[in-house]
N, C-alpha and C. Protein backbone atom coordinates (compact mmCIF):
# COMPACT_ATOMS: atom_id res chain seq x y z
N PHE A 1 -37.47 -44.15 49.23
CA PHE A 1 -38.14 -44.44 47.98
C PHE A 1 -38.54 -45.91 47.93
N PHE A 2 -39.71 -46.12 47.43
CA PHE A 2 -40.19 -47.48 47.26
C PHE A 2 -40.25 -47.79 45.78
N PHE A 3 -39.75 -48.93 45.41
CA PHE A 3 -39.79 -49.36 44.02
C PHE A 3 -40.84 -50.43 43.87
N LYS A 4 -41.68 -50.23 42.89
CA LYS A 4 -42.73 -51.21 42.62
C LYS A 4 -42.13 -52.36 41.84
N GLN A 5 -42.35 -53.56 42.31
CA GLN A 5 -41.87 -54.73 41.59
C GLN A 5 -42.82 -55.00 40.42
N LYS A 6 -42.26 -55.26 39.26
CA LYS A 6 -43.09 -55.49 38.08
C LYS A 6 -43.66 -56.90 38.10
N THR A 7 -44.88 -56.99 37.63
CA THR A 7 -45.50 -58.30 37.48
C THR A 7 -44.99 -58.94 36.20
N ALA A 8 -45.22 -60.23 36.05
CA ALA A 8 -44.79 -60.93 34.83
C ALA A 8 -45.45 -60.31 33.61
N TYR A 9 -46.71 -59.91 33.75
CA TYR A 9 -47.42 -59.29 32.63
C TYR A 9 -46.76 -57.98 32.23
N GLU A 10 -46.37 -57.15 33.22
CA GLU A 10 -45.72 -55.88 32.91
C GLU A 10 -44.34 -56.10 32.28
N MET A 11 -43.64 -57.13 32.76
CA MET A 11 -42.34 -57.44 32.18
C MET A 11 -42.50 -57.92 30.74
N LEU A 12 -43.52 -58.72 30.47
CA LEU A 12 -43.78 -59.19 29.12
C LEU A 12 -44.04 -58.01 28.20
N ARG A 13 -44.83 -57.06 28.68
CA ARG A 13 -45.14 -55.87 27.87
C ARG A 13 -43.88 -55.11 27.51
N SER A 14 -42.95 -54.96 28.47
CA SER A 14 -41.73 -54.21 28.17
C SER A 14 -40.82 -55.01 27.22
N LEU A 15 -40.78 -56.32 27.39
CA LEU A 15 -39.98 -57.13 26.48
C LEU A 15 -40.53 -57.08 25.07
N VAL A 16 -41.83 -57.17 24.96
CA VAL A 16 -42.45 -57.09 23.64
C VAL A 16 -42.19 -55.72 23.04
N GLY A 17 -42.19 -54.69 23.88
CA GLY A 17 -41.90 -53.34 23.38
C GLY A 17 -40.51 -53.24 22.79
N SER A 18 -39.50 -53.81 23.47
CA SER A 18 -38.14 -53.74 22.94
C SER A 18 -37.99 -54.61 21.69
N GLU A 19 -38.60 -55.79 21.70
CA GLU A 19 -38.57 -56.63 20.51
C GLU A 19 -39.29 -55.95 19.35
N MET A 20 -40.34 -55.21 19.69
CA MET A 20 -41.10 -54.52 18.66
C MET A 20 -40.22 -53.48 17.96
N CYS A 21 -39.38 -52.80 18.73
CA CYS A 21 -38.48 -51.82 18.12
C CYS A 21 -37.52 -52.48 17.14
N ILE A 22 -36.94 -53.61 17.57
CA ILE A 22 -36.03 -54.34 16.69
C ILE A 22 -36.77 -54.82 15.44
N ARG A 23 -37.92 -55.41 15.66
CA ARG A 23 -38.70 -55.94 14.55
C ARG A 23 -39.14 -54.81 13.61
N ASP A 24 -39.57 -53.67 14.18
CA ASP A 24 -40.01 -52.57 13.34
C ASP A 24 -38.88 -52.01 12.48
N ARG A 25 -37.70 -51.87 13.06
CA ARG A 25 -36.56 -51.37 12.27
C ARG A 25 -36.22 -52.33 11.15
N LEU A 26 -36.16 -53.60 11.48
CA LEU A 26 -35.84 -54.61 10.48
C LEU A 26 -36.93 -54.69 9.42
N SER A 27 -38.18 -54.69 9.85
CA SER A 27 -39.27 -54.80 8.87
C SER A 27 -39.36 -53.56 7.99
N MET A 28 -39.09 -52.38 8.55
CA MET A 28 -39.11 -51.17 7.72
C MET A 28 -37.98 -51.21 6.69
N PHE A 29 -36.81 -51.69 7.11
CA PHE A 29 -35.68 -51.79 6.19
C PHE A 29 -36.00 -52.75 5.04
N VAL A 30 -36.54 -53.92 5.39
CA VAL A 30 -36.84 -54.92 4.36
C VAL A 30 -37.98 -54.44 3.46
N GLU A 31 -38.96 -53.76 4.04
CA GLU A 31 -40.05 -53.22 3.24
C GLU A 31 -39.53 -52.18 2.24
N ASP A 32 -38.62 -51.32 2.69
CA ASP A 32 -38.01 -50.35 1.78
C ASP A 32 -37.17 -51.05 0.71
N LEU A 33 -36.48 -52.11 1.10
CA LEU A 33 -35.70 -52.90 0.14
C LEU A 33 -36.62 -53.49 -0.92
N ALA A 34 -37.75 -54.05 -0.49
CA ALA A 34 -38.69 -54.65 -1.43
C ALA A 34 -39.36 -53.60 -2.31
N THR A 35 -39.50 -52.39 -1.81
CA THR A 35 -40.21 -51.35 -2.55
C THR A 35 -39.29 -50.50 -3.43
N PHE A 36 -38.07 -50.19 -2.92
CA PHE A 36 -37.19 -49.27 -3.64
C PHE A 36 -35.79 -49.82 -3.92
N GLY A 37 -35.52 -51.09 -3.59
CA GLY A 37 -34.23 -51.69 -3.88
C GLY A 37 -33.19 -51.40 -2.81
N PRO A 38 -31.94 -51.81 -3.09
CA PRO A 38 -30.88 -51.66 -2.10
C PRO A 38 -30.47 -50.20 -1.88
N LEU A 39 -29.84 -49.96 -0.72
CA LEU A 39 -29.32 -48.63 -0.43
C LEU A 39 -28.20 -48.28 -1.39
N LYS A 40 -28.12 -47.01 -1.73
CA LYS A 40 -26.99 -46.51 -2.49
C LYS A 40 -25.79 -46.43 -1.54
N PRO A 41 -24.57 -46.34 -2.08
CA PRO A 41 -23.42 -46.14 -1.20
C PRO A 41 -23.58 -44.83 -0.43
N GLU A 42 -22.98 -44.78 0.73
CA GLU A 42 -23.12 -43.61 1.59
C GLU A 42 -22.71 -42.32 0.89
N GLU A 43 -21.71 -42.40 0.00
CA GLU A 43 -21.21 -41.20 -0.67
C GLU A 43 -22.27 -40.51 -1.53
N ILE A 44 -23.23 -41.27 -2.06
CA ILE A 44 -24.25 -40.66 -2.94
C ILE A 44 -25.67 -40.83 -2.40
N ARG A 45 -25.80 -41.38 -1.21
CA ARG A 45 -27.12 -41.60 -0.62
C ARG A 45 -27.79 -40.25 -0.36
N GLY A 46 -29.02 -40.12 -0.83
CA GLY A 46 -29.78 -38.89 -0.63
C GLY A 46 -29.59 -37.86 -1.73
N LEU A 47 -28.64 -38.08 -2.61
CA LEU A 47 -28.41 -37.15 -3.72
C LEU A 47 -29.33 -37.55 -4.87
N THR A 48 -30.04 -36.57 -5.42
CA THR A 48 -31.04 -36.91 -6.43
C THR A 48 -30.85 -36.19 -7.76
N THR A 49 -30.03 -35.17 -7.80
CA THR A 49 -29.86 -34.42 -9.05
C THR A 49 -28.46 -34.63 -9.61
N PRO A 50 -28.32 -34.58 -10.94
CA PRO A 50 -27.00 -34.80 -11.55
C PRO A 50 -25.92 -33.86 -11.02
N ASP A 51 -26.28 -32.60 -10.73
CA ASP A 51 -25.25 -31.66 -10.26
C ASP A 51 -24.77 -31.97 -8.84
N THR A 52 -25.50 -32.78 -8.09
CA THR A 52 -25.01 -33.21 -6.77
C THR A 52 -24.39 -34.59 -6.82
N ILE A 53 -24.86 -35.43 -7.72
CA ILE A 53 -24.34 -36.80 -7.81
C ILE A 53 -22.97 -36.84 -8.48
N GLU A 54 -22.79 -36.09 -9.55
CA GLU A 54 -21.53 -36.14 -10.31
C GLU A 54 -20.30 -35.84 -9.46
N PRO A 55 -20.27 -34.76 -8.67
CA PRO A 55 -19.08 -34.52 -7.83
C PRO A 55 -18.82 -35.65 -6.83
N ALA A 56 -19.90 -36.22 -6.29
CA ALA A 56 -19.74 -37.32 -5.34
C ALA A 56 -19.17 -38.56 -6.03
N LEU A 57 -19.62 -38.83 -7.25
CA LEU A 57 -19.12 -39.98 -8.00
C LEU A 57 -17.63 -39.81 -8.34
N GLU A 58 -17.22 -38.59 -8.61
CA GLU A 58 -15.82 -38.34 -8.96
C GLU A 58 -14.88 -38.68 -7.82
N MET A 59 -15.36 -38.63 -6.60
CA MET A 59 -14.52 -38.95 -5.44
C MET A 59 -14.47 -40.45 -5.17
N MET A 60 -15.31 -41.22 -5.83
CA MET A 60 -15.33 -42.68 -5.63
C MET A 60 -14.28 -43.35 -6.50
N LYS A 61 -13.91 -44.57 -6.13
CA LYS A 61 -12.99 -45.36 -6.94
C LYS A 61 -13.65 -45.63 -8.29
N PRO A 62 -12.85 -45.72 -9.36
CA PRO A 62 -13.42 -45.90 -10.70
C PRO A 62 -14.36 -47.10 -10.83
N GLU A 63 -14.01 -48.23 -10.20
CA GLU A 63 -14.88 -49.41 -10.33
C GLU A 63 -16.24 -49.20 -9.67
N PHE A 64 -16.31 -48.34 -8.66
CA PHE A 64 -17.58 -48.05 -8.02
C PHE A 64 -18.38 -47.02 -8.82
N ARG A 65 -17.67 -46.10 -9.48
CA ARG A 65 -18.35 -45.08 -10.28
C ARG A 65 -19.22 -45.73 -11.35
N VAL A 66 -18.67 -46.72 -12.04
CA VAL A 66 -19.41 -47.38 -13.11
C VAL A 66 -20.66 -48.07 -12.55
N LYS A 67 -20.50 -48.74 -11.42
CA LYS A 67 -21.61 -49.50 -10.84
C LYS A 67 -22.72 -48.58 -10.32
N TRP A 68 -22.36 -47.45 -9.70
CA TRP A 68 -23.34 -46.64 -9.01
C TRP A 68 -23.78 -45.38 -9.75
N ALA A 69 -23.24 -45.15 -10.94
CA ALA A 69 -23.65 -43.97 -11.69
C ALA A 69 -25.07 -44.15 -12.23
N PRO A 70 -25.94 -43.18 -12.00
CA PRO A 70 -27.29 -43.30 -12.55
C PRO A 70 -27.25 -43.11 -14.07
N PRO A 71 -28.25 -43.49 -14.81
CA PRO A 71 -29.50 -44.08 -14.32
C PRO A 71 -29.32 -45.56 -14.01
N TYR A 72 -30.07 -46.01 -13.04
CA TYR A 72 -30.03 -47.41 -12.64
C TYR A 72 -30.95 -48.19 -13.56
N LYS A 73 -30.41 -49.24 -14.15
CA LYS A 73 -31.18 -50.03 -15.11
C LYS A 73 -31.46 -51.41 -14.54
N PRO A 74 -32.72 -51.79 -14.49
CA PRO A 74 -33.05 -53.12 -13.99
C PRO A 74 -32.56 -54.21 -14.93
N ALA A 75 -32.07 -55.27 -14.36
CA ALA A 75 -31.68 -56.45 -15.14
C ALA A 75 -32.94 -57.28 -15.39
N GLN A 76 -32.76 -58.42 -16.04
CA GLN A 76 -33.90 -59.29 -16.31
C GLN A 76 -34.54 -59.70 -14.97
N ASN A 77 -35.85 -59.77 -14.92
CA ASN A 77 -36.64 -60.12 -13.73
C ASN A 77 -36.58 -59.05 -12.64
N GLN A 78 -36.10 -57.86 -12.95
CA GLN A 78 -36.11 -56.77 -11.99
C GLN A 78 -37.03 -55.67 -12.51
N ARG A 79 -37.41 -54.79 -11.59
CA ARG A 79 -38.28 -53.67 -11.94
C ARG A 79 -37.68 -52.38 -11.40
N TYR A 80 -38.18 -51.25 -11.86
CA TYR A 80 -37.68 -49.96 -11.38
C TYR A 80 -38.82 -49.21 -10.71
N ASN A 81 -38.56 -48.71 -9.51
CA ASN A 81 -39.51 -47.89 -8.76
C ASN A 81 -38.69 -46.78 -8.09
N GLU A 82 -38.73 -45.59 -8.66
CA GLU A 82 -37.88 -44.49 -8.21
C GLU A 82 -38.09 -44.17 -6.73
N ASP A 83 -36.99 -44.03 -6.02
CA ASP A 83 -37.00 -43.61 -4.62
C ASP A 83 -36.79 -42.10 -4.61
N LYS A 84 -37.84 -41.36 -4.29
CA LYS A 84 -37.78 -39.90 -4.32
C LYS A 84 -36.79 -39.33 -3.31
N SER A 85 -36.50 -40.10 -2.23
CA SER A 85 -35.55 -39.61 -1.23
C SER A 85 -34.10 -39.74 -1.68
N GLY A 86 -33.86 -40.55 -2.71
CA GLY A 86 -32.50 -40.73 -3.21
C GLY A 86 -31.65 -41.65 -2.37
N TYR A 87 -32.23 -42.35 -1.41
CA TYR A 87 -31.46 -43.25 -0.56
C TYR A 87 -31.28 -44.63 -1.18
N ARG A 88 -32.19 -45.01 -2.07
CA ARG A 88 -32.15 -46.35 -2.66
C ARG A 88 -32.09 -46.25 -4.18
N THR A 89 -31.67 -47.35 -4.79
CA THR A 89 -31.44 -47.34 -6.24
C THR A 89 -32.74 -47.34 -7.05
N GLY A 90 -33.80 -47.87 -6.49
CA GLY A 90 -35.06 -47.98 -7.23
C GLY A 90 -35.17 -49.28 -8.01
N VAL A 91 -34.11 -50.06 -8.08
CA VAL A 91 -34.13 -51.34 -8.80
C VAL A 91 -34.56 -52.42 -7.81
N ILE A 92 -35.71 -53.02 -8.08
CA ILE A 92 -36.25 -54.01 -7.16
C ILE A 92 -36.38 -55.36 -7.84
N THR A 93 -36.48 -56.39 -7.01
CA THR A 93 -36.54 -57.76 -7.52
C THR A 93 -37.89 -58.03 -8.17
N SER A 94 -38.05 -59.25 -8.59
CA SER A 94 -39.29 -59.65 -9.25
C SER A 94 -40.47 -59.48 -8.29
N GLU A 95 -41.64 -59.42 -8.84
CA GLU A 95 -42.85 -59.24 -8.03
C GLU A 95 -43.06 -60.41 -7.07
N ASP A 96 -42.72 -61.62 -7.50
CA ASP A 96 -42.87 -62.80 -6.63
C ASP A 96 -42.02 -62.67 -5.37
N ILE A 97 -40.75 -62.30 -5.54
CA ILE A 97 -39.85 -62.16 -4.39
C ILE A 97 -40.30 -61.00 -3.50
N THR A 98 -40.72 -59.92 -4.11
CA THR A 98 -41.24 -58.79 -3.34
C THR A 98 -42.42 -59.21 -2.49
N ASN A 99 -43.33 -59.99 -3.06
CA ASN A 99 -44.51 -60.45 -2.30
C ASN A 99 -44.12 -61.35 -1.14
N VAL A 100 -43.10 -62.20 -1.33
CA VAL A 100 -42.63 -63.06 -0.23
C VAL A 100 -42.05 -62.20 0.89
N LEU A 101 -41.24 -61.21 0.53
CA LEU A 101 -40.66 -60.32 1.54
C LEU A 101 -41.76 -59.61 2.34
N ILE A 102 -42.72 -59.04 1.65
CA ILE A 102 -43.81 -58.32 2.32
C ILE A 102 -44.62 -59.27 3.19
N SER A 103 -44.85 -60.48 2.73
CA SER A 103 -45.59 -61.48 3.51
C SER A 103 -44.87 -61.80 4.82
N GLN A 104 -43.54 -61.99 4.76
CA GLN A 104 -42.76 -62.28 5.97
C GLN A 104 -42.78 -61.11 6.95
N ILE A 105 -42.73 -59.91 6.42
CA ILE A 105 -42.78 -58.71 7.26
C ILE A 105 -44.12 -58.64 7.99
N ASN A 106 -45.19 -58.86 7.26
CA ASN A 106 -46.53 -58.80 7.87
C ASN A 106 -46.71 -59.89 8.92
N ALA A 107 -46.16 -61.07 8.69
CA ALA A 107 -46.25 -62.15 9.68
C ALA A 107 -45.51 -61.77 10.96
N ALA A 108 -44.33 -61.16 10.82
CA ALA A 108 -43.57 -60.74 12.00
C ALA A 108 -44.29 -59.62 12.74
N ARG A 109 -44.85 -58.68 12.00
CA ARG A 109 -45.59 -57.59 12.64
C ARG A 109 -46.80 -58.11 13.41
N GLN A 110 -47.45 -59.11 12.86
CA GLN A 110 -48.62 -59.67 13.53
C GLN A 110 -48.22 -60.45 14.78
N LEU A 111 -47.07 -61.12 14.73
CA LEU A 111 -46.61 -61.90 15.88
C LEU A 111 -46.39 -61.02 17.10
N ILE A 112 -45.77 -59.88 16.89
CA ILE A 112 -45.50 -58.96 18.01
C ILE A 112 -46.31 -57.70 17.79
N HIS A 113 -47.54 -57.80 18.08
CA HIS A 113 -48.45 -56.68 17.96
C HIS A 113 -49.02 -56.39 19.34
N LYS A 114 -49.40 -55.16 19.58
CA LYS A 114 -49.91 -54.82 20.91
C LYS A 114 -51.13 -55.66 21.29
N ASP A 115 -51.89 -56.09 20.31
CA ASP A 115 -53.06 -56.94 20.60
C ASP A 115 -52.64 -58.29 21.16
N THR A 116 -51.47 -58.78 20.76
CA THR A 116 -50.96 -60.04 21.28
C THR A 116 -50.72 -59.93 22.78
N VAL A 117 -50.17 -58.80 23.20
CA VAL A 117 -49.94 -58.58 24.63
C VAL A 117 -51.26 -58.38 25.35
N THR A 118 -52.13 -57.58 24.77
CA THR A 118 -53.44 -57.32 25.38
C THR A 118 -54.21 -58.62 25.59
N GLN A 119 -54.12 -59.51 24.62
CA GLN A 119 -54.81 -60.79 24.72
C GLN A 119 -54.04 -61.81 25.56
N LYS A 120 -52.88 -61.39 26.07
CA LYS A 120 -52.01 -62.22 26.91
C LYS A 120 -51.63 -63.54 26.24
N GLN A 121 -51.38 -63.46 24.93
CA GLN A 121 -50.91 -64.63 24.20
C GLN A 121 -49.43 -64.83 24.50
N VAL A 122 -49.03 -66.05 24.68
CA VAL A 122 -47.65 -66.36 24.99
C VAL A 122 -46.84 -66.49 23.70
N ILE A 123 -45.72 -65.78 23.68
CA ILE A 123 -44.80 -65.85 22.54
C ILE A 123 -43.45 -66.22 23.13
N ASN A 124 -42.81 -67.22 22.56
CA ASN A 124 -41.51 -67.61 23.09
C ASN A 124 -40.38 -67.06 22.21
N ALA A 125 -39.18 -67.16 22.74
CA ALA A 125 -38.01 -66.62 22.05
C ALA A 125 -37.79 -67.27 20.69
N LYS A 126 -38.10 -68.56 20.56
CA LYS A 126 -37.92 -69.25 19.28
C LYS A 126 -38.83 -68.66 18.21
N GLN A 127 -40.08 -68.34 18.58
CA GLN A 127 -40.99 -67.73 17.61
C GLN A 127 -40.45 -66.38 17.14
N LEU A 128 -39.93 -65.59 18.07
CA LEU A 128 -39.36 -64.28 17.72
C LEU A 128 -38.15 -64.45 16.81
N LYS A 129 -37.26 -65.37 17.18
CA LYS A 129 -36.05 -65.60 16.39
C LYS A 129 -36.42 -66.09 14.98
N ASP A 130 -37.38 -66.99 14.90
CA ASP A 130 -37.80 -67.51 13.59
C ASP A 130 -38.37 -66.39 12.72
N ALA A 131 -39.18 -65.51 13.32
CA ALA A 131 -39.77 -64.41 12.56
C ALA A 131 -38.67 -63.50 12.02
N ILE A 132 -37.68 -63.17 12.85
CA ILE A 132 -36.59 -62.31 12.42
C ILE A 132 -35.74 -63.01 11.36
N ASP A 133 -35.47 -64.31 11.56
CA ASP A 133 -34.69 -65.06 10.57
C ASP A 133 -35.43 -65.14 9.23
N ASN A 134 -36.73 -65.28 9.25
CA ASN A 134 -37.51 -65.33 8.01
C ASN A 134 -37.43 -64.02 7.25
N ILE A 135 -37.38 -62.92 7.97
CA ILE A 135 -37.24 -61.61 7.32
C ILE A 135 -35.86 -61.48 6.70
N ARG A 136 -34.86 -61.92 7.42
CA ARG A 136 -33.47 -61.80 6.93
C ARG A 136 -33.31 -62.65 5.69
């Protein structure tokens, strides 16, 4: 068997591919956070009706029951956007913070885009780390 040695360009493409997976997972998580708020606790995640949520809440510690029992009410400077999947609370931050989050996500997506590889633009590890840190 003969193994083809990869060129630097092919190696760059595979590295960008793996970084893209990391970036996509992180950016999707942050985008969902900006759109639908934080994740619910695992015990009630995905439950959307009172007859499924109530039994799950009864198994939680009392201090958590109070915090996570629906309906979720936004505090000052927060908004509500129902998550139909039931994974998130629906309570989101102010529009300004949401816009900053979405802006950082879009900047990271643009940094590691297939067109960047096609155009053979050089991206260094610091740029990748900075983009991920900005999202976090």
